[in-house]
Structures are given as C-alpha cells and as structure tokens.
C-alpha cells in the first residue's frame, strides 16, 4: 500500500463545539484538550479554534465530530462528519 493511502486511513478525528456559524457552509469549531502539567501535575486546559466545512447544517452550540481533510480553502482543513448533540 502506498504511503499516501496509509496516511488517508489515519486521519485525525476530533470532537468540538460549534462557536460560529455565520459563514456559508463553514463553521468555527472550538477544540478543547486537557492535560497534566509536566512538573506540577495540575490539570491545564487549552483551546484551539478551527474552520470546518459543514454540509450537515450545524448551528452554534452543537457538538460535532470533525475529520482532517485536504485544504479546502485558505483556512479550512477540517470537515464536519456528524453532529453528535444538538444545542438546547
């Protein structure tokens, strides 16, 4: 199997919350990760915002699963695969 095909099988999958849905077919997803500090062990939280292509119609507050994909535009490198939970 080629190197390209192996990389396609191991795409990064992340779960995050939609914080912006004002663009057409694009949503802003906030990814949150928690980890322990290397020396002190305290739990730290870091967030990152990414743009994702959205054909599912996700709205702000929805929890979505996104997958890494080829560059779709200047800022879009992710695609919404499914809406895990809808906003209340």
PDB file of N, CA and C in Angstrom:
ATOM      1  N   UNK A   1       0.845  -1.188   0.000  1.00  0.00           N
ATOM      2  CA  UNK A   1       0.000   0.000   0.000  1.00  0.00           C
ATOM      3  C   UNK A   1       0.886   1.246   0.000  1.00  0.00           C
ATOM      4  N   UNK A   2       0.489   2.255  -0.737  1.00  0.00           N
ATOM      5  CA  UNK A   2       1.318   3.458  -0.847  1.00  0.00           C
ATOM      6  C   UNK A   2       1.281   4.272   0.443  1.00  0.00           C
ATOM      7  N   UNK A   3       2.256   5.136   0.590  1.00  0.00           N
ATOM      8  CA  UNK A   3       2.351   5.991   1.782  1.00  0.00           C
ATOM      9  C   UNK A   3       1.143   6.915   1.872  1.00  0.00           C
ATOM     10  N   UNK A   4       0.670   7.392   0.718  1.00  0.00           N
ATOM     11  CA  UNK A   4      -0.482   8.294   0.668  1.00  0.00           C
ATOM     12  C   UNK A   4      -1.753   7.606   1.163  1.00  0.00           C
ATOM     13  N   UNK A   5      -1.931   6.357   0.775  1.00  0.00           N
ATOM     14  CA  UNK A   5      -3.118   5.608   1.189  1.00  0.00           C
ATOM     15  C   UNK A   5      -3.087   5.315   2.688  1.00  0.00           C
ATOM     16  N   UNK A   6      -1.898   5.056   3.224  1.00  0.00           N
ATOM     17  CA  UNK A   6      -1.790   4.811   4.664  1.00  0.00           C
ATOM     18  C   UNK A   6      -2.128   6.064   5.456  1.00  0.00           C
ATOM     19  N   UNK A   7      -1.683   7.213   4.983  1.00  0.00           N
ATOM     20  CA  UNK A   7      -1.982   8.472   5.672  1.00  0.00           C
ATOM     21  C   UNK A   7      -3.471   8.772   5.619  1.00  0.00           C
ATOM     22  N   UNK A   8      -4.135   8.412   4.532  1.00  0.00           N
ATOM     23  CA  UNK A   8      -5.564   8.687   4.403  1.00  0.00           C
ATOM     24  C   UNK A   8      -6.364   7.866   5.411  1.00  0.00           C
ATOM     25  N   UNK A   9      -5.875   6.666   5.714  1.00  0.00           N
ATOM     26  CA  UNK A   9      -6.581   5.828   6.683  1.00  0.00           C
ATOM     27  C   UNK A   9      -6.498   6.383   8.098  1.00  0.00           C
ATOM     28  N   UNK A  10      -5.406   7.096   8.409  1.00  0.00           N
ATOM     29  CA  UNK A  10      -5.189   7.589   9.767  1.00  0.00           C
ATOM     30  C   UNK A  10      -5.450   9.089   9.858  1.00  0.00           C
ATOM     31  N   UNK A  11      -6.614   9.521   9.442  1.00  0.00           N
ATOM     32  CA  UNK A  11      -6.947  10.933   9.560  1.00  0.00           C
ATOM     33  C   UNK A  11      -7.263  11.265  11.014  1.00  0.00           C
ATOM     34  N   UNK A  12      -6.896  12.493  11.416  1.00  0.00           N
ATOM     35  CA  UNK A  12      -7.199  12.933  12.773  1.00  0.00           C
ATOM     36  C   UNK A  12      -8.689  13.173  12.896  1.00  0.00           C
ATOM     37  N   UNK A  13      -9.281  12.695  13.968  1.00  0.00           N
ATOM     38  CA  UNK A  13     -10.704  12.904  14.257  1.00  0.00           C
ATOM     39  C   UNK A  13     -10.791  13.610  15.601  1.00  0.00           C
ATOM     40  N   UNK A  14     -11.535  14.699  15.666  1.00  0.00           N
ATOM     41  CA  UNK A  14     -11.677  15.466  16.901  1.00  0.00           C
ATOM     42  C   UNK A  14     -13.148  15.764  17.140  1.00  0.00           C
ATOM     43  N   UNK A  15     -13.492  15.998  18.404  1.00  0.00           N
ATOM     44  CA  UNK A  15     -14.850  16.392  18.784  1.00  0.00           C
ATOM     45  C   UNK A  15     -14.765  17.768  19.416  1.00  0.00           C
ATOM     46  N   UNK A  16     -15.641  18.675  18.966  1.00  0.00           N
ATOM     47  CA  UNK A  16     -15.613  20.037  19.480  1.00  0.00           C
ATOM     48  C   UNK A  16     -16.984  20.677  19.434  1.00  0.00           C
ATOM     49  N   UNK A  17     -17.047  21.917  19.893  1.00  0.00           N
ATOM     50  CA  UNK A  17     -18.299  22.661  19.969  1.00  0.00           C
ATOM     51  C   UNK A  17     -18.277  23.775  18.930  1.00  0.00           C
ATOM     52  N   UNK A  18     -19.380  23.901  18.184  1.00  0.00           N
ATOM     53  CA  UNK A  18     -19.501  24.961  17.190  1.00  0.00           C
ATOM     54  C   UNK A  18     -19.705  26.288  17.920  1.00  0.00           C
ATOM     55  N   UNK A  19     -18.838  27.260  17.645  1.00  0.00           N
ATOM     56  CA  UNK A  19     -18.952  28.575  18.280  1.00  0.00           C
ATOM     57  C   UNK A  19     -19.328  29.653  17.266  1.00  0.00           C
ATOM     58  N   UNK A  20     -19.267  29.336  15.972  1.00  0.00           N
ATOM     59  CA  UNK A  20     -19.636  30.310  14.951  1.00  0.00           C
ATOM     60  C   UNK A  20     -20.215  29.626  13.739  1.00  0.00           C
ATOM     61  N   UNK A  21     -21.346  30.140  13.250  1.00  0.00           N
ATOM     62  CA  UNK A  21     -21.986  29.545  12.065  1.00  0.00           C
ATOM     63  C   UNK A  21     -22.467  30.619  11.091  1.00  0.00           C
ATOM     64  N   UNK A  22     -21.790  31.763  11.080  1.00  0.00           N
ATOM     65  CA  UNK A  22     -22.235  32.882  10.249  1.00  0.00           C
ATOM     66  C   UNK A  22     -21.837  32.737   8.783  1.00  0.00           C
ATOM     67  N   UNK A  23     -20.834  31.924   8.488  1.00  0.00           N
ATOM     68  CA  UNK A  23     -20.381  31.759   7.112  1.00  0.00           C
ATOM     69  C   UNK A  23     -21.228  30.701   6.401  1.00  0.00           C
ATOM     70  N   UNK A  24     -21.213  30.710   5.088  1.00  0.00           N
ATOM     71  CA  UNK A  24     -21.972  29.708   4.345  1.00  0.00           C
ATOM     72  C   UNK A  24     -21.122  28.452   4.178  1.00  0.00           C
ATOM     73  N   UNK A  25     -21.666  27.313   4.584  1.00  0.00           N
ATOM     74  CA  UNK A  25     -21.020  26.001   4.507  1.00  0.00           C
ATOM     75  C   UNK A  25     -19.725  25.912   5.309  1.00  0.00           C
ATOM     76  N   UNK A  26     -19.537  26.818   6.271  1.00  0.00           N
ATOM     77  CA  UNK A  26     -18.355  26.789   7.133  1.00  0.00           C
ATOM     78  C   UNK A  26     -18.774  27.082   8.563  1.00  0.00           C
ATOM     79  N   UNK A  27     -18.224  26.326   9.502  1.00  0.00           N
ATOM     80  CA  UNK A  27     -18.464  26.593  10.918  1.00  0.00           C
ATOM     81  C   UNK A  27     -17.118  26.730  11.620  1.00  0.00           C
ATOM     82  N   UNK A  28     -17.113  27.471  12.726  1.00  0.00           N
ATOM     83  CA  UNK A  28     -15.932  27.582  13.576  1.00  0.00           C
ATOM     84  C   UNK A  28     -16.131  26.627  14.747  1.00  0.00           C
ATOM     85  N   UNK A  29     -15.192  25.716  14.915  1.00  0.00           N
ATOM     86  CA  UNK A  29     -15.287  24.690  15.959  1.00  0.00           C
ATOM     87  C   UNK A  29     -14.186  24.937  16.973  1.00  0.00           C
ATOM     88  N   UNK A  30     -14.556  24.922  18.255  1.00  0.00           N
ATOM     89  CA  UNK A  30     -13.587  25.089  19.327  1.00  0.00           C
ATOM     90  C   UNK A  30     -13.225  23.720  19.886  1.00  0.00           C
ATOM     91  N   UNK A  31     -11.947  23.384  19.792  1.00  0.00           N
ATOM     92  CA  UNK A  31     -11.440  22.117  20.293  1.00  0.00           C
ATOM     93  C   UNK A  31     -10.776  22.356  21.643  1.00  0.00           C
ATOM     94  N   UNK A  32     -11.145  21.579  22.645  1.00  0.00           N
ATOM     95  CA  UNK A  32     -10.605  21.727  23.989  1.00  0.00           C
ATOM     96  C   UNK A  32      -9.861  20.456  24.367  1.00  0.00           C
ATOM     97  N   UNK A  33      -8.649  20.628  24.904  1.00  0.00           N
ATOM     98  CA  UNK A  33      -7.905  19.469  25.386  1.00  0.00           C
ATOM     99  C   UNK A  33      -7.425  19.746  26.801  1.00  0.00           C
ATOM    100  N   UNK A  34      -7.432  18.714  27.618  1.00  0.00           N
ATOM    101  CA  UNK A  34      -6.958  18.816  28.989  1.00  0.00           C
ATOM    102  C   UNK A  34      -5.752  17.915  29.156  1.00  0.00           C
ATOM    103  N   UNK A  35      -4.760  18.397  29.882  1.00  0.00           N
ATOM    104  CA  UNK A  35      -3.575  17.600  30.122  1.00  0.00           C
ATOM    105  C   UNK A  35      -2.953  18.028  31.446  1.00  0.00           C
ATOM    106  N   UNK A  36      -2.113  17.164  31.987  1.00  0.00           N
ATOM    107  CA  UNK A  36      -1.460  17.452  33.258  1.00  0.00           C
ATOM    108  C   UNK A  36      -0.164  18.212  32.999  1.00  0.00           C
ATOM    109  N   UNK A  37       0.127  19.191  33.848  1.00  0.00           N
ATOM    110  CA  UNK A  37       1.374  19.939  33.779  1.00  0.00           C
ATOM    111  C   UNK A  37       2.540  18.977  34.009  1.00  0.00           C
ATOM    112  N   UNK A  38       3.601  19.172  33.251  1.00  0.00           N
ATOM    113  CA  UNK A  38       4.722  18.239  33.302  1.00  0.00           C
ATOM    114  C   UNK A  38       5.369  18.102  34.661  1.00  0.00           C
ATOM    115  N   UNK A  39       5.489  19.194  35.396  1.00  0.00           N
ATOM    116  CA  UNK A  39       6.178  19.159  36.682  1.00  0.00           C
ATOM    117  C   UNK A  39       5.210  19.081  37.857  1.00  0.00           C
ATOM    118  N   UNK A  40       4.169  19.911  37.823  1.00  0.00           N
ATOM    119  CA  UNK A  40       3.295  20.039  38.986  1.00  0.00           C
ATOM    120  C   UNK A  40       2.058  19.151  38.940  1.00  0.00           C
ATOM    121  N   UNK A  41       1.710  18.632  37.780  1.00  0.00           N
ATOM    122  CA  UNK A  41       0.582  17.710  37.697  1.00  0.00           C
ATOM    123  C   UNK A  41      -0.776  18.370  37.664  1.00  0.00           C
ATOM    124  N   UNK A  42      -0.824  19.700  37.746  1.00  0.00           N
ATOM    125  CA  UNK A  42      -2.111  20.402  37.707  1.00  0.00           C
ATOM    126  C   UNK A  42      -2.755  20.229  36.331  1.00  0.00           C
ATOM    127  N   UNK A  43      -4.077  20.076  36.317  1.00  0.00           N
ATOM    128  CA  UNK A  43      -4.803  19.936  35.051  1.00  0.00           C
ATOM    129  C   UNK A  43      -4.866  21.285  34.347  1.00  0.00           C
ATOM    130  N   UNK A  44      -4.400  21.333  33.104  1.00  0.00           N
ATOM    131  CA  UNK A  44      -4.434  22.542  32.291  1.00  0.00           C
ATOM    132  C   UNK A  44      -5.414  22.347  31.148  1.00  0.00           C
ATOM    133  N   UNK A  45      -6.036  23.422  30.709  1.00  0.00           N
ATOM    134  CA  UNK A  45      -6.974  23.382  29.590  1.00  0.00           C
ATOM    135  C   UNK A  45      -6.459  24.302  28.500  1.00  0.00           C
ATOM    136  N   UNK A  46      -6.412  23.798  27.295  1.00  0.00           N
ATOM    137  CA  UNK A  46      -6.022  24.591  26.134  1.00  0.00           C
ATOM    138  C   UNK A  46      -7.104  24.459  25.067  1.00  0.00           C
ATOM    139  N   UNK A  47      -7.441  25.575  24.415  1.00  0.00           N
ATOM    140  CA  UNK A  47      -8.456  25.540  23.369  1.00  0.00           C
ATOM    141  C   UNK A  47      -7.850  26.014  22.055  1.00  0.00           C
ATOM    142  N   UNK A  48      -8.415  25.528  20.966  1.00  0.00           N
ATOM    143  CA  UNK A  48      -7.989  25.918  19.636  1.00  0.00           C
ATOM    144  C   UNK A  48      -9.238  26.025  18.771  1.00  0.00           C
ATOM    145  N   UNK A  49      -9.298  27.050  17.928  1.00  0.00           N
ATOM    146  CA  UNK A  49     -10.438  27.232  17.033  1.00  0.00           C
ATOM    147  C   UNK A  49     -10.017  26.917  15.610  1.00  0.00           C
ATOM    148  N   UNK A  50     -10.815  26.090  14.942  1.00  0.00           N
ATOM    149  CA  UNK A  50     -10.544  25.730  13.547  1.00  0.00           C
ATOM    150  C   UNK A  50     -11.804  25.952  12.725  1.00  0.00           C
ATOM    151  N   UNK A  51     -11.609  26.194  11.426  1.00  0.00           N
ATOM    152  CA  UNK A  51     -12.732  26.291  10.499  1.00  0.00           C
ATOM    153  C   UNK A  51     -12.955  24.922   9.887  1.00  0.00           C
ATOM    154  N   UNK A  52     -14.230  24.523   9.762  1.00  0.00           N
ATOM    155  CA  UNK A  52     -14.563  23.211   9.211  1.00  0.00           C
ATOM    156  C   UNK A  52     -15.663  23.350   8.174  1.00  0.00           C
ATOM    157  N   UNK A  53     -15.565  22.560   7.108  1.00  0.00           N
ATOM    158  CA  UNK A  53     -16.594  22.540   6.066  1.00  0.00           C
ATOM    159  C   UNK A  53     -17.808  21.805   6.614  1.00  0.00           C
ATOM    160  N   UNK A  54     -18.988  22.367   6.411  1.00  0.00           N
ATOM    161  CA  UNK A  54     -20.203  21.832   7.032  1.00  0.00           C
ATOM    162  C   UNK A  54     -21.306  21.667   6.004  1.00  0.00           C
ATOM    163  N   UNK A  55     -21.663  20.407   5.700  1.00  0.00           N
ATOM    164  CA  UNK A  55     -22.812  20.111   4.843  1.00  0.00           C
ATOM    165  C   UNK A  55     -24.008  19.640   5.661  1.00  0.00           C
ATOM    166  N   UNK A  56     -23.831  19.516   6.987  1.00  0.00           N
ATOM    167  CA  UNK A  56     -24.881  18.963   7.850  1.00  0.00           C
ATOM    168  C   UNK A  56     -25.779  20.033   8.464  1.00  0.00           C
ATOM    169  N   UNK A  57     -25.416  21.295   8.339  1.00  0.00           N
ATOM    170  CA  UNK A  57     -26.234  22.366   8.898  1.00  0.00           C
ATOM    171  C   UNK A  57     -26.076  22.529  10.398  1.00  0.00           C
ATOM    172  N   UNK A  58     -24.851  22.464  10.882  1.00  0.00           N
ATOM    173  CA  UNK A  58     -24.593  22.624  12.318  1.00  0.00           C
ATOM    174  C   UNK A  58     -24.796  24.073  12.731  1.00  0.00           C
ATOM    175  N   UNK A  59     -25.339  24.262  13.923  1.00  0.00           N
ATOM    176  CA  UNK A  59     -25.579  25.590  14.479  1.00  0.00           C
ATOM    177  C   UNK A  59     -24.689  25.810  15.700  1.00  0.00           C
ATOM    178  N   UNK A  60     -24.596  27.053  16.140  1.00  0.00           N
ATOM    179  CA  UNK A  60     -23.775  27.383  17.305  1.00  0.00           C
ATOM    180  C   UNK A  60     -24.278  26.616  18.527  1.00  0.00           C
ATOM    181  N   UNK A  61     -23.360  26.035  19.274  1.00  0.00           N
ATOM    182  CA  UNK A  61     -23.700  25.266  20.463  1.00  0.00           C
ATOM    183  C   UNK A  61     -23.738  23.767  20.222  1.00  0.00           C
ATOM    184  N   UNK A  62     -23.806  23.346  18.955  1.00  0.00           N
ATOM    185  CA  UNK A  62     -23.814  21.914  18.641  1.00  0.00           C
ATOM    186  C   UNK A  62     -22.445  21.303  18.906  1.00  0.00           C
ATOM    187  N   UNK A  63     -22.437  20.048  19.362  1.00  0.00           N
ATOM    188  CA  UNK A  63     -21.199  19.294  19.487  1.00  0.00           C
ATOM    189  C   UNK A  63     -21.049  18.471  18.218  1.00  0.00           C
ATOM    190  N   UNK A  64     -19.912  18.625  17.541  1.00  0.00           N
ATOM    191  CA  UNK A  64     -19.716  17.964  16.248  1.00  0.00           C
ATOM    192  C   UNK A  64     -18.427  17.156  16.251  1.00  0.00           C
ATOM    193  N   UNK A  65     -18.383  16.157  15.379  1.00  0.00           N
ATOM    194  CA  UNK A  65     -17.162  15.385  15.150  1.00  0.00           C
ATOM    195  C   UNK A  65     -16.587  15.848  13.817  1.00  0.00           C
ATOM    196  N   UNK A  66     -15.303  16.242  13.817  1.00  0.00           N
ATOM    197  CA  UNK A  66     -14.672  16.724  12.598  1.00  0.00           C
ATOM    198  C   UNK A  66     -13.486  15.825  12.255  1.00  0.00           C
ATOM    199  N   UNK A  67     -13.157  15.776  10.968  1.00  0.00           N
ATOM    200  CA  UNK A  67     -12.062  14.942  10.499  1.00  0.00           C
ATOM    201  C   UNK A  67     -11.146  15.794   9.636  1.00  0.00           C
ATOM    202  N   UNK A  68      -9.849  15.504   9.719  1.00  0.00           N
ATOM    203  CA  UNK A  68      -8.852  16.224   8.939  1.00  0.00           C
ATOM    204  C   UNK A  68      -9.024  15.884   7.465  1.00  0.00           C
ATOM    205  N   UNK A  69      -8.857  16.878   6.597  1.00  0.00           N
ATOM    206  CA  UNK A  69      -9.021  16.648   5.168  1.00  0.00           C
ATOM    207  C   UNK A  69      -8.029  17.507   4.397  1.00  0.00           C
ATOM    208  N   UNK A  70      -8.059  17.403   3.087  1.00  0.00           N
ATOM    209  CA  UNK A  70      -7.165  18.215   2.256  1.00  0.00           C
ATOM    210  C   UNK A  70      -7.552  19.681   2.401  1.00  0.00           C
ATOM    211  N   UNK A  71      -6.673  20.612   2.060  1.00  0.00           N
ATOM    212  CA  UNK A  71      -7.024  22.032   2.142  1.00  0.00           C
ATOM    213  C   UNK A  71      -8.202  22.367   1.230  1.00  0.00           C
ATOM    214  N   UNK A  72      -9.286  22.889   1.837  1.00  0.00           N
ATOM    215  CA  UNK A  72     -10.477  23.250   1.071  1.00  0.00           C
ATOM    216  C   UNK A  72     -10.490  24.733   0.750  1.00  0.00           C
ATOM    217  N   UNK A  73      -9.794  25.531   1.533  1.00  0.00           N
ATOM    218  CA  UNK A  73      -9.664  26.962   1.280  1.00  0.00           C
ATOM    219  C   UNK A  73      -8.436  27.439   2.039  1.00  0.00           C
ATOM    220  N   UNK A  74      -8.276  28.756   2.137  1.00  0.00           N
ATOM    221  CA  UNK A  74      -7.112  29.302   2.842  1.00  0.00           C
ATOM    222  C   UNK A  74      -7.079  28.853   4.301  1.00  0.00           C
ATOM    223  N   UNK A  75      -8.244  28.762   4.935  1.00  0.00           N
ATOM    224  CA  UNK A  75      -8.275  28.465   6.369  1.00  0.00           C
ATOM    225  C   UNK A  75      -8.944  27.135   6.723  1.00  0.00           C
ATOM    226  N   UNK A  76      -9.596  26.472   5.762  1.00  0.00           N
ATOM    227  CA  UNK A  76     -10.333  25.233   6.076  1.00  0.00           C
ATOM    228  C   UNK A  76      -9.497  23.997   5.794  1.00  0.00           C
ATOM    229  N   UNK A  77      -9.257  23.216   6.866  1.00  0.00           N
ATOM    230  CA  UNK A  77      -8.529  21.951   6.744  1.00  0.00           C
ATOM    231  C   UNK A  77      -9.297  20.805   7.397  1.00  0.00           C
ATOM    232  N   UNK A  78     -10.511  21.066   7.846  1.00  0.00           N
ATOM    233  CA  UNK A  78     -11.324  20.076   8.552  1.00  0.00           C
ATOM    234  C   UNK A  78     -12.705  20.003   7.913  1.00  0.00           C
ATOM    235  N   UNK A  79     -13.404  18.885   8.152  1.00  0.00           N
ATOM    236  CA  UNK A  79     -14.737  18.672   7.605  1.00  0.00           C
ATOM    237  C   UNK A  79     -15.617  18.075   8.698  1.00  0.00           C
ATOM    238  N   UNK A  80     -16.865  18.547   8.802  1.00  0.00           N
ATOM    239  CA  UNK A  80     -17.805  18.015   9.790  1.00  0.00           C
ATOM    240  C   UNK A  80     -18.307  16.665   9.292  1.00  0.00           C
ATOM    241  N   UNK A  81     -18.132  15.629  10.123  1.00  0.00           N
ATOM    242  CA  UNK A  81     -18.568  14.286   9.752  1.00  0.00           C
ATOM    243  C   UNK A  81     -19.967  14.018  10.290  1.00  0.00           C
ATOM    244  N   UNK A  82     -20.210  14.413  11.549  1.00  0.00           N
ATOM    245  CA  UNK A  82     -21.538  14.201  12.141  1.00  0.00           C
ATOM    246  C   UNK A  82     -21.776  15.199  13.253  1.00  0.00           C
ATOM    247  N   UNK A  83     -23.050  15.409  13.526  1.00  0.00           N
ATOM    248  CA  UNK A  83     -23.449  16.237  14.667  1.00  0.00           C
ATOM    249  C   UNK A  83     -23.750  15.289  15.813  1.00  0.00           C
ATOM    250  N   UNK A  84     -22.924  15.347  16.848  1.00  0.00           N
ATOM    251  CA  UNK A  84     -23.066  14.415  17.974  1.00  0.00           C
ATOM    252  C   UNK A  84     -24.286  14.777  18.810  1.00  0.00           C
ATOM    253  N   UNK A  85     -24.363  16.034  19.253  1.00  0.00           N
ATOM    254  CA  UNK A  85     -25.533  16.503  20.012  1.00  0.00           C
ATOM    255  C   UNK A  85     -25.906  17.893  19.523  1.00  0.00           C
ATOM    256  N   UNK A  86     -27.196  18.147  19.496  1.00  0.00           N
ATOM    257  CA  UNK A  86     -27.699  19.464  19.118  1.00  0.00           C
ATOM    258  C   UNK A  86     -27.740  20.372  20.327  1.00  0.00           C
ATOM    259  N   UNK A  87     -27.649  21.684  20.095  1.00  0.00           N
ATOM    260  CA  UNK A  87     -27.722  22.661  21.183  1.00  0.00           C
ATOM    261  C   UNK A  87     -29.139  22.694  21.729  1.00  0.00           C
ATOM    262  N   UNK A  88     -29.247  22.989  23.006  1.00  0.00           N
ATOM    263  CA  UNK A  88     -30.566  23.052  23.656  1.00  0.00           C
ATOM    264  C   UNK A  88     -31.287  24.323  23.273  1.00  0.00           C
TER     265      UNK A  88
END
